Every structure is written in structure tokens, then in C-alpha cells.
């Protein structure tokens, strides 16, 4: 795809919580860790190059988590990018433990969330977390208790904005009765639209929607008509990113990668503009009926 300007800035901007402005194409930092999201990256030099190139391409929103590594993603971000550019927003998450590679267990107790926030502050080398997201509701802990803990941490000045992840619309409404919510992060992509109604809810209420697995974990290939791919001289994955950006003005895709080449391809998609007809054709793709 021929692009005049390779910059995440051409994706437009949105406001997080009415306080922080970010470009609508961010970066997910899960893949700059080892296999099973455990330990250091296999190719450390390439992971460092990805973070440096990300900053050069005007990506000013990074999504990470204390559980990525665990701790590895946050530490590498700080090593490469600190002291941070003034417009860079770093979002991290808390609420999971990591017993081992590929293993995740819930822990959204007050003690764990406090410990996780302190750890993220230390690893990221910051005094306040821009956006702290509850990684997932913990069925063994009252949801309101977990949200209230984050609200207290915000009041203490350790968190600026609060977000939620892996939640229903009911969870969001319950959380908003306790504290303002800036964003929601659920699994969502062109190939997986289970949370369509949550996207719509976020748009109505001015919350950013941050889709994880925004490329459908590779399911996009073969589901996008060749004529649309050829018209834009793009890859199916670039079309999938463009579809997300057109889907809603509150959409903030965070495609992640451990490759500079793939990073540049993802950012190039910010300049790709689908027509209304193309968007409708993609939105009504028969192959996706089961996931809708």
C-alpha cells in the first residue's frame, strides 16, 4: 500500500476520560515477551527496535500489563523509552497472577491490586499510571470491591484514569456507579464481534473501546473479499485495522507484534480509508454471521 505519511497520527485522535488525547492506533506490548507470554523476548534486539520504531511512527498509546512476562513488558518499555515523550500514554493492567508460561489465574483482591500497582509504578519508572485497567473480574472477589480499590488508588494519586477489561455492559454500569471509567478492553475484531453491543455502549457514553486480538488472532485471512484488498493494495490485516477504525470513533486498536516490519504494516493501515460501501460489505460478510 502506497502511503504518503507513515504515522499513527493519520488515524485521528480520541480522548481518554476527557483528559488524555491519543492517536487512534496504539500498540499492544504483550508480544515483546517470551513464548507463552513468559520471560524475556526471544529476540531482545528486535523487541527494542520495535519500541523505538513505534515512537518514531507517532504511536502515543501503549497497552501493557504487569502479567506480561510477568513484569518483562513493563521493564522493557521503561528501559527503551524512559524518560518518556510528554504525549506518550502508557496503559497497564492488574488482576491476574502468572504461575507459569501460558498460565493465568485471577486475583483482583485489594491486596493484590495494590501490590500490582506499586510494582507497575516501579517497573515503568513513573509516579502515576496514566490508565490502569482491571484485567478481568475475579469471581471470588466482589466486583465492586475490586473497582473500589482502584478508585482509592486513584484518589491517592497513583492512578490517573481507570479502565476495565473482559467485562459485560452490566460490569461497566456497576463500575461507573463507583468511579468514572475511561475505557473498556474486550476481545474484538473484524472476525470476532461478540462484543458489538459493548462497543455501541462505549460510543454512546464516551468511553474508549480498546479491542484486544484486533486482528482476530489470524482469522482475518480468507474472510475479506479480494477486490477490497486489491483496490487498496493492502493486506487483509490492514483492511481489518481500517475496518475497526471506521467501526466507531471511540475505537482504539492496539495491534501487537515483535517485528518492526509488521509494526510498520500495521501503522500504514492508519492511512487506509474504506468507503461506506466497502465497510457495509465487510460488516455483512456471511462468513462472520456465527460470530455476530
C-alpha atoms as a PDB file:
ATOM      1  CA  UNK A   1       0.000   0.000   0.000  1.00  0.00           C
ATOM      2  CA  UNK A   2       1.467   3.330  -1.044  1.00  0.00           C
ATOM      3  CA  UNK A   3       1.402   5.707   1.915  1.00  0.00           C
ATOM      4  CA  UNK A   4       2.438   9.388   1.836  1.00  0.00           C
ATOM      5  CA  UNK A   5       2.969   9.530   5.560  1.00  0.00           C
ATOM      6  CA  UNK A   6       3.732   6.551   7.782  1.00  0.00           C
ATOM      7  CA  UNK A   7       2.332   7.822  11.047  1.00  0.00           C
ATOM      8  CA  UNK A   8      -0.221   6.674  13.600  1.00  0.00           C
ATOM      9  CA  UNK A   9      -1.349  10.286  13.688  1.00  0.00           C
ATOM     10  CA  UNK A  10      -3.336   9.896  10.467  1.00  0.00           C
ATOM     11  CA  UNK A  11      -5.698   7.566  12.340  1.00  0.00           C
ATOM     12  CA  UNK A  12      -7.151  10.580  14.152  1.00  0.00           C
ATOM     13  CA  UNK A  13      -7.381  11.134  17.888  1.00  0.00           C
ATOM     14  CA  UNK A  14      -9.647  10.367  20.800  1.00  0.00           C
ATOM     15  CA  UNK A  15      -9.845  11.488  24.393  1.00  0.00           C
ATOM     16  CA  UNK A  16      -9.358   9.151  27.312  1.00  0.00           C
ATOM     17  CA  UNK A  17     -11.540  10.228  30.200  1.00  0.00           C
ATOM     18  CA  UNK A  18     -11.678  13.759  28.814  1.00  0.00           C
ATOM     19  CA  UNK A  19      -8.073  14.196  29.986  1.00  0.00           C
ATOM     20  CA  UNK A  20      -5.596  12.477  27.670  1.00  0.00           C
ATOM     21  CA  UNK A  21      -5.564  12.730  23.881  1.00  0.00           C
ATOM     22  CA  UNK A  22      -4.103   9.774  21.970  1.00  0.00           C
ATOM     23  CA  UNK A  23      -3.888   8.695  18.363  1.00  0.00           C
ATOM     24  CA  UNK A  24      -6.476   6.051  17.493  1.00  0.00           C
ATOM     25  CA  UNK A  25      -3.892   3.430  16.542  1.00  0.00           C
ATOM     26  CA  UNK A  26      -1.927   2.193  19.534  1.00  0.00           C
ATOM     27  CA  UNK A  27       0.474  -0.639  20.299  1.00  0.00           C
ATOM     28  CA  UNK A  28      -0.106  -3.770  22.355  1.00  0.00           C
ATOM     29  CA  UNK A  29       3.074  -4.770  24.190  1.00  0.00           C
ATOM     30  CA  UNK A  30       2.215  -8.365  25.059  1.00  0.00           C
ATOM     31  CA  UNK A  31       4.368  -9.836  22.266  1.00  0.00           C
ATOM     32  CA  UNK A  32       7.633  -8.246  23.347  1.00  0.00           C
ATOM     33  CA  UNK A  33       7.950 -11.040  25.913  1.00  0.00           C
ATOM     34  CA  UNK A  34       8.915 -14.697  25.569  1.00  0.00           C
ATOM     35  CA  UNK A  35       6.911 -17.713  24.442  1.00  0.00           C
ATOM     36  CA  UNK A  36       3.775 -18.228  26.479  1.00  0.00           C
ATOM     37  CA  UNK A  37       3.997 -14.505  27.403  1.00  0.00           C
ATOM     38  CA  UNK A  38       6.693 -15.595  29.838  1.00  0.00           C
ATOM     39  CA  UNK A  39      10.237 -14.399  30.348  1.00  0.00           C
ATOM     40  CA  UNK A  40      12.346 -12.180  28.098  1.00  0.00           C
ATOM     41  CA  UNK A  41      11.767 -11.919  24.343  1.00  0.00           C
ATOM     42  CA  UNK A  42      13.487 -14.493  22.151  1.00  0.00           C
ATOM     43  CA  UNK A  43      14.971 -11.680  20.074  1.00  0.00           C
ATOM     44  CA  UNK A  44      15.697  -8.868  22.524  1.00  0.00           C
ATOM     45  CA  UNK A  45      17.300  -6.615  19.913  1.00  0.00           C
ATOM     46  CA  UNK A  46      14.234  -6.802  17.694  1.00  0.00           C
ATOM     47  CA  UNK A  47      11.895  -6.102  20.626  1.00  0.00           C
ATOM     48  CA  UNK A  48      13.924  -2.991  21.450  1.00  0.00           C
ATOM     49  CA  UNK A  49      13.848  -1.947  17.789  1.00  0.00           C
ATOM     50  CA  UNK A  50      10.058  -2.345  17.735  1.00  0.00           C
ATOM     51  CA  UNK A  51       9.615   0.009  20.699  1.00  0.00           C
ATOM     52  CA  UNK A  52      11.967   2.593  19.229  1.00  0.00           C
ATOM     53  CA  UNK A  53      10.291   2.429  15.822  1.00  0.00           C
ATOM     54  CA  UNK A  54       6.876   2.665  17.470  1.00  0.00           C
ATOM     55  CA  UNK A  55       7.813   6.036  18.946  1.00  0.00           C
ATOM     56  CA  UNK A  56       9.176   7.214  15.594  1.00  0.00           C
ATOM     57  CA  UNK A  57       5.841   6.358  13.955  1.00  0.00           C
ATOM     58  CA  UNK A  58       3.895   8.629  16.323  1.00  0.00           C
ATOM     59  CA  UNK A  59       2.237   5.804  18.220  1.00  0.00           C
ATOM     60  CA  UNK A  60       1.499   7.504  21.534  1.00  0.00           C
ATOM     61  CA  UNK A  61      -0.601   4.868  23.300  1.00  0.00           C
ATOM     62  CA  UNK A  62       0.977   1.665  24.638  1.00  0.00           C
ATOM     63  CA  UNK A  63      -1.047  -1.084  26.275  1.00  0.00           C
ATOM     64  CA  UNK A  64       0.767  -3.473  28.586  1.00  0.00           C
ATOM     65  CA  UNK A  65       0.151  -5.403  31.837  1.00  0.00           C
ATOM     66  CA  UNK A  66       2.034  -6.480  34.930  1.00  0.00           C
ATOM     67  CA  UNK A  67       1.285 -10.083  33.928  1.00  0.00           C
ATOM     68  CA  UNK A  68       3.106  -9.841  30.587  1.00  0.00           C
ATOM     69  CA  UNK A  69       6.353 -11.585  31.352  1.00  0.00           C
ATOM     70  CA  UNK A  70       5.411 -11.152  34.183  1.00  0.00           C
ATOM     71  CA  UNK A  71       6.897  -7.695  34.525  1.00  0.00           C
ATOM     72  CA  UNK A  72       9.073  -8.094  31.424  1.00  0.00           C
ATOM     73  CA  UNK A  73       6.980  -5.929  29.098  1.00  0.00           C
ATOM     74  CA  UNK A  74       6.822  -3.022  31.543  1.00  0.00           C
ATOM     75  CA  UNK A  75      10.545  -3.206  32.301  1.00  0.00           C
ATOM     76  CA  UNK A  76      11.476  -3.226  28.613  1.00  0.00           C
ATOM     77  CA  UNK A  77       9.194  -0.284  27.856  1.00  0.00           C
ATOM     78  CA  UNK A  78      10.910   1.740  30.598  1.00  0.00           C
ATOM     79  CA  UNK A  79      14.385   0.674  29.525  1.00  0.00           C
ATOM     80  CA  UNK A  80      13.833   1.762  25.927  1.00  0.00           C
ATOM     81  CA  UNK A  81      11.516   4.758  26.200  1.00  0.00           C
ATOM     82  CA  UNK A  82      12.181   6.368  29.599  1.00  0.00           C
ATOM     83  CA  UNK A  83      12.347   9.321  30.052  1.00  0.00           C
ATOM     84  CA  UNK A  84       9.066   9.266  28.144  1.00  0.00           C
ATOM     85  CA  UNK A  85       7.876  11.722  25.488  1.00  0.00           C
ATOM     86  CA  UNK A  86       5.336  14.136  27.011  1.00  0.00           C
ATOM     87  CA  UNK A  87       2.485  12.918  24.802  1.00  0.00           C
ATOM     88  CA  UNK A  88       3.034   9.198  25.412  1.00  0.00           C
ATOM     89  CA  UNK A  89       0.234   7.463  27.340  1.00  0.00           C
ATOM     90  CA  UNK A  90       1.010   4.117  28.950  1.00  0.00           C
ATOM     91  CA  UNK A  91      -1.862   1.870  29.980  1.00  0.00           C
ATOM     92  CA  UNK A  92      -1.232  -1.186  32.098  1.00  0.00           C
ATOM     93  CA  UNK A  93      -3.419  -3.807  33.741  1.00  0.00           C
ATOM     94  CA  UNK A  94      -3.668  -5.664  37.044  1.00  0.00           C
ATOM     95  CA  UNK A  95      -5.719  -8.551  38.391  1.00  0.00           C
ATOM     96  CA  UNK A  96      -4.007 -11.725  37.253  1.00  0.00           C
ATOM     97  CA  UNK A  97      -1.242 -13.974  38.594  1.00  0.00           C
ATOM     98  CA  UNK A  98       1.150 -15.945  36.385  1.00  0.00           C
ATOM     99  CA  UNK A  99       2.022 -19.415  37.750  1.00  0.00           C
ATOM    100  CA  UNK A 100       3.969 -20.264  34.589  1.00  0.00           C
ATOM    101  CA  UNK A 101       4.172 -19.951  30.778  1.00  0.00           C
ATOM    102  CA  UNK A 102       0.715 -19.752  29.223  1.00  0.00           C
ATOM    103  CA  UNK A 103      -0.930 -19.904  32.657  1.00  0.00           C
ATOM    104  CA  UNK A 104      -3.178 -17.171  34.069  1.00  0.00           C
ATOM    105  CA  UNK A 105      -5.103 -17.100  37.351  1.00  0.00           C
ATOM    106  CA  UNK A 106      -7.425 -14.425  38.726  1.00  0.00           C
ATOM    107  CA  UNK A 107      -6.534 -12.264  41.719  1.00  0.00           C
ATOM    108  CA  UNK A 108      -8.431  -8.992  41.994  1.00  0.00           C
ATOM    109  CA  UNK A 109      -8.219  -8.767  45.768  1.00  0.00           C
ATOM    110  CA  UNK A 110      -7.435  -5.371  47.239  1.00  0.00           C
ATOM    111  CA  UNK A 111      -4.022  -6.545  48.456  1.00  0.00           C
ATOM    112  CA  UNK A 112      -3.025  -7.924  45.076  1.00  0.00           C
ATOM    113  CA  UNK A 113      -4.210  -4.880  43.133  1.00  0.00           C
ATOM    114  CA  UNK A 114      -2.297  -2.556  45.435  1.00  0.00           C
ATOM    115  CA  UNK A 115       0.839  -4.658  45.121  1.00  0.00           C
ATOM    116  CA  UNK A 116       0.437  -4.810  41.332  1.00  0.00           C
ATOM    117  CA  UNK A 117       0.074  -1.050  41.019  1.00  0.00           C
ATOM    118  CA  UNK A 118       3.172  -0.447  43.164  1.00  0.00           C
ATOM    119  CA  UNK A 119       5.089  -2.936  41.031  1.00  0.00           C
ATOM    120  CA  UNK A 120       3.998  -1.289  37.776  1.00  0.00           C
ATOM    121  CA  UNK A 121       4.966   2.154  39.046  1.00  0.00           C
ATOM    122  CA  UNK A 122       8.423   0.836  39.914  1.00  0.00           C
ATOM    123  CA  UNK A 123       8.974  -1.096  36.687  1.00  0.00           C
ATOM    124  CA  UNK A 124       7.661   1.668  34.418  1.00  0.00           C
ATOM    125  CA  UNK A 125       9.669   4.290  36.374  1.00  0.00           C
ATOM    126  CA  UNK A 126       6.700   6.608  36.773  1.00  0.00           C
ATOM    127  CA  UNK A 127       4.941   8.302  39.677  1.00  0.00           C
ATOM    128  CA  UNK A 128       1.405   7.833  38.351  1.00  0.00           C
ATOM    129  CA  UNK A 129      -0.140   5.313  35.941  1.00  0.00           C
ATOM    130  CA  UNK A 130      -1.948   7.046  33.070  1.00  0.00           C
ATOM    131  CA  UNK A 131      -4.563   4.310  32.677  1.00  0.00           C
ATOM    132  CA  UNK A 132      -4.874   1.298  34.975  1.00  0.00           C
ATOM    133  CA  UNK A 133      -7.257  -1.385  33.738  1.00  0.00           C
ATOM    134  CA  UNK A 134      -8.746  -4.165  35.846  1.00  0.00           C
ATOM    135  CA  UNK A 135      -7.582  -7.127  33.780  1.00  0.00           C
ATOM    136  CA  UNK A 136     -10.717  -9.182  34.435  1.00  0.00           C
ATOM    137  CA  UNK A 137     -13.425  -9.590  37.064  1.00  0.00           C
ATOM    138  CA  UNK A 138     -12.453 -12.131  39.726  1.00  0.00           C
ATOM    139  CA  UNK A 139     -15.399 -14.414  40.506  1.00  0.00           C
ATOM    140  CA  UNK A 140     -14.041 -14.990  44.016  1.00  0.00           C
ATOM    141  CA  UNK A 141     -13.954 -11.256  44.802  1.00  0.00           C
ATOM    142  CA  UNK A 142     -16.953  -8.891  44.724  1.00  0.00           C
ATOM    143  CA  UNK A 143     -16.546  -6.826  41.552  1.00  0.00           C
ATOM    144  CA  UNK A 144     -17.410  -3.608  43.390  1.00  0.00           C
ATOM    145  CA  UNK A 145     -14.600  -4.269  45.872  1.00  0.00           C
ATOM    146  CA  UNK A 146     -12.024  -4.518  43.086  1.00  0.00           C
ATOM    147  CA  UNK A 147     -13.248  -1.311  41.436  1.00  0.00           C
ATOM    148  CA  UNK A 148     -13.356   0.499  44.793  1.00  0.00           C
ATOM    149  CA  UNK A 149      -9.710  -0.426  45.386  1.00  0.00           C
ATOM    150  CA  UNK A 150      -8.736   1.159  42.075  1.00  0.00           C
ATOM    151  CA  UNK A 151     -10.807   4.227  42.950  1.00  0.00           C
ATOM    152  CA  UNK A 152      -8.896   4.580  46.229  1.00  0.00           C
ATOM    153  CA  UNK A 153      -5.573   4.231  44.413  1.00  0.00           C
ATOM    154  CA  UNK A 154      -6.715   6.960  42.044  1.00  0.00           C
ATOM    155  CA  UNK A 155      -7.588   9.220  44.960  1.00  0.00           C
ATOM    156  CA  UNK A 156      -4.113   8.540  46.355  1.00  0.00           C
ATOM    157  CA  UNK A 157      -2.587   9.844  43.120  1.00  0.00           C
ATOM    158  CA  UNK A 158      -1.170   6.523  41.912  1.00  0.00           C
ATOM    159  CA  UNK A 159      -3.619   6.150  39.020  1.00  0.00           C
ATOM    160  CA  UNK A 160      -4.878   8.899  36.710  1.00  0.00           C
ATOM    161  CA  UNK A 161      -7.632   7.024  34.839  1.00  0.00           C
ATOM    162  CA  UNK A 162      -9.380   3.688  35.408  1.00  0.00           C
ATOM    163  CA  UNK A 163     -10.378   1.180  32.741  1.00  0.00           C
ATOM    164  CA  UNK A 164     -11.948  -2.266  32.608  1.00  0.00           C
ATOM    165  CA  UNK A 165     -11.139  -5.371  30.588  1.00  0.00           C
ATOM    166  CA  UNK A 166     -13.040  -8.545  29.744  1.00  0.00           C
ATOM    167  CA  UNK A 167     -16.316  -7.173  31.029  1.00  0.00           C
ATOM    168  CA  UNK A 168     -20.013  -7.071  30.167  1.00  0.00           C
ATOM    169  CA  UNK A 169     -22.121  -3.945  29.853  1.00  0.00           C
ATOM    170  CA  UNK A 170     -23.509  -4.716  33.307  1.00  0.00           C
ATOM    171  CA  UNK A 171     -19.998  -4.684  34.776  1.00  0.00           C
ATOM    172  CA  UNK A 172     -19.333  -1.288  33.202  1.00  0.00           C
ATOM    173  CA  UNK A 173     -22.539   0.214  34.573  1.00  0.00           C
ATOM    174  CA  UNK A 174     -21.804  -1.135  38.053  1.00  0.00           C
ATOM    175  CA  UNK A 175     -18.263   0.234  37.964  1.00  0.00           C
ATOM    176  CA  UNK A 176     -19.422   3.672  36.809  1.00  0.00           C
ATOM    177  CA  UNK A 177     -21.595   3.954  39.897  1.00  0.00           C
ATOM    178  CA  UNK A 178     -18.377   3.819  41.936  1.00  0.00           C
ATOM    179  CA  UNK A 179     -15.893   5.812  39.859  1.00  0.00           C
ATOM    180  CA  UNK A 180     -15.525   7.300  36.352  1.00  0.00           C
ATOM    181  CA  UNK A 181     -14.434   4.722  33.758  1.00  0.00           C
ATOM    182  CA  UNK A 182     -12.306   5.880  30.830  1.00  0.00           C
ATOM    183  CA  UNK A 183     -12.021   2.748  28.705  1.00  0.00           C
ATOM    184  CA  UNK A 184     -13.089  -0.826  28.094  1.00  0.00           C
ATOM    185  CA  UNK A 185     -10.830  -3.509  26.636  1.00  0.00           C
ATOM    186  CA  UNK A 186     -12.525  -6.648  25.308  1.00  0.00           C
ATOM    187  CA  UNK A 187     -11.676  -9.164  22.608  1.00  0.00           C
ATOM    188  CA  UNK A 188     -12.947  -7.738  19.315  1.00  0.00           C
ATOM    189  CA  UNK A 189     -12.009  -7.713  15.658  1.00  0.00           C
ATOM    190  CA  UNK A 190     -13.409  -7.813  12.145  1.00  0.00           C
ATOM    191  CA  UNK A 191     -13.569 -11.589  12.556  1.00  0.00           C
ATOM    192  CA  UNK A 192     -14.969 -11.646  16.096  1.00  0.00           C
ATOM    193  CA  UNK A 193     -17.826  -9.295  17.022  1.00  0.00           C
ATOM    194  CA  UNK A 194     -19.244 -10.886  20.135  1.00  0.00           C
ATOM    195  CA  UNK A 195     -18.927  -7.573  21.982  1.00  0.00           C
ATOM    196  CA  UNK A 196     -20.627  -5.374  19.378  1.00  0.00           C
ATOM    197  CA  UNK A 197     -23.147  -4.157  21.926  1.00  0.00           C
ATOM    198  CA  UNK A 198     -20.360  -3.092  24.300  1.00  0.00           C
ATOM    199  CA  UNK A 199     -18.727  -1.085  21.501  1.00  0.00           C
ATOM    200  CA  UNK A 200     -22.052   0.668  20.957  1.00  0.00           C
ATOM    201  CA  UNK A 201     -22.430   1.296  24.703  1.00  0.00           C
ATOM    202  CA  UNK A 202     -18.940   2.818  24.869  1.00  0.00           C
ATOM    203  CA  UNK A 203     -19.675   5.074  21.905  1.00  0.00           C
ATOM    204  CA  UNK A 204     -22.923   6.313  23.459  1.00  0.00           C
ATOM    205  CA  UNK A 205     -21.184   7.048  26.752  1.00  0.00           C
ATOM    206  CA  UNK A 206     -17.881   8.475  25.526  1.00  0.00           C
ATOM    207  CA  UNK A 207     -15.684   5.579  26.689  1.00  0.00           C
ATOM    208  CA  UNK A 208     -12.733   4.432  24.610  1.00  0.00           C
ATOM    209  CA  UNK A 209     -13.037   0.839  23.361  1.00  0.00           C
ATOM    210  CA  UNK A 210      -9.678  -0.938  23.127  1.00  0.00           C
ATOM    211  CA  UNK A 211     -10.012  -4.220  21.203  1.00  0.00           C
ATOM    212  CA  UNK A 212      -7.562  -6.968  22.116  1.00  0.00           C
ATOM    213  CA  UNK A 213      -6.758  -9.512  19.429  1.00  0.00           C
ATOM    214  CA  UNK A 214      -7.739  -6.749  16.949  1.00  0.00           C
ATOM    215  CA  UNK A 215      -6.514  -8.890  14.053  1.00  0.00           C
ATOM    216  CA  UNK A 216      -8.646 -11.840  15.120  1.00  0.00           C
ATOM    217  CA  UNK A 217      -5.626 -13.970  16.037  1.00  0.00           C
ATOM    218  CA  UNK A 218      -5.050 -14.575  12.327  1.00  0.00           C
ATOM    219  CA  UNK A 219      -8.680 -15.431  11.475  1.00  0.00           C
ATOM    220  CA  UNK A 220      -8.958 -12.460   9.110  1.00  0.00           C
ATOM    221  CA  UNK A 221      -7.177 -14.197   6.219  1.00  0.00           C
ATOM    222  CA  UNK A 222      -9.669 -15.534   3.682  1.00  0.00           C
ATOM    223  CA  UNK A 223     -12.624 -13.583   5.095  1.00  0.00           C
ATOM    224  CA  UNK A 224     -12.013 -10.266   3.332  1.00  0.00           C
ATOM    225  CA  UNK A 225     -13.040 -10.041  -0.357  1.00  0.00           C
ATOM    226  CA  UNK A 226     -10.070  -9.961  -2.717  1.00  0.00           C
ATOM    227  CA  UNK A 227     -11.488  -6.973  -4.600  1.00  0.00           C
ATOM    228  CA  UNK A 228     -11.279  -4.789  -1.478  1.00  0.00           C
ATOM    229  CA  UNK A 229      -7.734  -5.957  -0.751  1.00  0.00           C
ATOM    230  CA  UNK A 230      -6.720  -5.257  -4.358  1.00  0.00           C
ATOM    231  CA  UNK A 231      -8.451  -1.867  -4.506  1.00  0.00           C
ATOM    232  CA  UNK A 232      -6.412  -0.609  -1.585  1.00  0.00           C
ATOM    233  CA  UNK A 233      -3.233  -2.530  -2.468  1.00  0.00           C
ATOM    234  CA  UNK A 234      -3.226  -3.722   1.101  1.00  0.00           C
ATOM    235  CA  UNK A 235      -3.066  -6.900   3.148  1.00  0.00           C
ATOM    236  CA  UNK A 236      -6.191  -8.440   4.722  1.00  0.00           C
ATOM    237  CA  UNK A 237      -4.804  -7.478   8.142  1.00  0.00           C
ATOM    238  CA  UNK A 238      -4.504  -3.825   7.097  1.00  0.00           C
ATOM    239  CA  UNK A 239      -8.091  -3.913   5.862  1.00  0.00           C
ATOM    240  CA  UNK A 240      -9.134  -5.390   9.222  1.00  0.00           C
ATOM    241  CA  UNK A 241      -7.477  -2.484  11.073  1.00  0.00           C
ATOM    242  CA  UNK A 242      -9.133   0.028   8.740  1.00  0.00           C
ATOM    243  CA  UNK A 243     -12.497  -1.622   9.411  1.00  0.00           C
ATOM    244  CA  UNK A 244     -12.007  -1.212  13.162  1.00  0.00           C
ATOM    245  CA  UNK A 245     -11.089   2.467  12.815  1.00  0.00           C
ATOM    246  CA  UNK A 246     -14.240   3.081  10.764  1.00  0.00           C
ATOM    247  CA  UNK A 247     -16.433   0.965  13.047  1.00  0.00           C
ATOM    248  CA  UNK A 248     -16.557   3.601  15.799  1.00  0.00           C
ATOM    249  CA  UNK A 249     -14.882   6.920  16.642  1.00  0.00           C
ATOM    250  CA  UNK A 250     -14.100   5.559  20.139  1.00  0.00           C
ATOM    251  CA  UNK A 251     -12.237   2.530  18.758  1.00  0.00           C
ATOM    252  CA  UNK A 252      -8.556   2.334  19.744  1.00  0.00           C
ATOM    253  CA  UNK A 253      -6.949  -0.744  18.118  1.00  0.00           C
ATOM    254  CA  UNK A 254      -3.701  -1.972  19.683  1.00  0.00           C
ATOM    255  CA  UNK A 255      -2.189  -4.495  17.257  1.00  0.00           C
ATOM    256  CA  UNK A 256       0.875  -6.037  18.852  1.00  0.00           C
ATOM    257  CA  UNK A 257       3.943  -7.528  17.252  1.00  0.00           C
ATOM    258  CA  UNK A 258       7.555  -8.415  17.916  1.00  0.00           C
ATOM    259  CA  UNK A 259       8.555  -7.444  14.352  1.00  0.00           C
ATOM    260  CA  UNK A 260       9.455  -3.993  13.045  1.00  0.00           C
ATOM    261  CA  UNK A 261       8.181  -4.983   9.596  1.00  0.00           C
ATOM    262  CA  UNK A 262       4.766  -5.952  10.952  1.00  0.00           C
ATOM    263  CA  UNK A 263       4.663  -2.809  13.097  1.00  0.00           C
ATOM    264  CA  UNK A 264       5.177  -0.649  10.020  1.00  0.00           C
ATOM    265  CA  UNK A 265       2.487  -2.566   8.125  1.00  0.00           C
ATOM    266  CA  UNK A 266       0.043  -2.038  10.985  1.00  0.00           C
ATOM    267  CA  UNK A 267       0.742   1.687  11.220  1.00  0.00           C
ATOM    268  CA  UNK A 268       0.414   2.043   7.446  1.00  0.00           C
ATOM    269  CA  UNK A 269      -3.193   0.870   7.829  1.00  0.00           C
ATOM    270  CA  UNK A 270      -3.985   4.126   9.647  1.00  0.00           C
ATOM    271  CA  UNK A 271      -3.965   5.889   6.272  1.00  0.00           C
ATOM    272  CA  UNK A 272      -6.301   3.385   4.646  1.00  0.00           C
ATOM    273  CA  UNK A 273      -9.843   4.769   4.325  1.00  0.00           C
ATOM    274  CA  UNK A 274     -12.670   2.379   3.488  1.00  0.00           C
ATOM    275  CA  UNK A 275     -15.689   3.680   1.626  1.00  0.00           C
ATOM    276  CA  UNK A 276     -19.109   3.353   3.258  1.00  0.00           C
ATOM    277  CA  UNK A 277     -19.970   0.657   0.720  1.00  0.00           C
ATOM    278  CA  UNK A 278     -16.807  -1.308   1.499  1.00  0.00           C
ATOM    279  CA  UNK A 279     -17.469  -1.022   5.217  1.00  0.00           C
ATOM    280  CA  UNK A 280     -21.018  -2.330   4.814  1.00  0.00           C
ATOM    281  CA  UNK A 281     -19.848  -5.187   2.606  1.00  0.00           C
ATOM    282  CA  UNK A 282     -17.289  -6.212   5.224  1.00  0.00           C
ATOM    283  CA  UNK A 283     -19.731  -5.773   8.079  1.00  0.00           C
ATOM    284  CA  UNK A 284     -22.238  -8.092   6.425  1.00  0.00           C
ATOM    285  CA  UNK A 285     -19.741 -10.757   5.383  1.00  0.00           C
ATOM    286  CA  UNK A 286     -21.653 -14.095   5.540  1.00  0.00           C
ATOM    287  CA  UNK A 287     -18.626 -15.918   6.950  1.00  0.00           C
ATOM    288  CA  UNK A 288     -18.957 -13.863  10.123  1.00  0.00           C
ATOM    289  CA  UNK A 289     -22.623 -14.495  10.820  1.00  0.00           C
ATOM    290  CA  UNK A 290     -21.862 -17.111  13.508  1.00  0.00           C
ATOM    291  CA  UNK A 291     -19.598 -14.732  15.440  1.00  0.00           C
ATOM    292  CA  UNK A 292     -22.189 -11.953  15.432  1.00  0.00           C
END
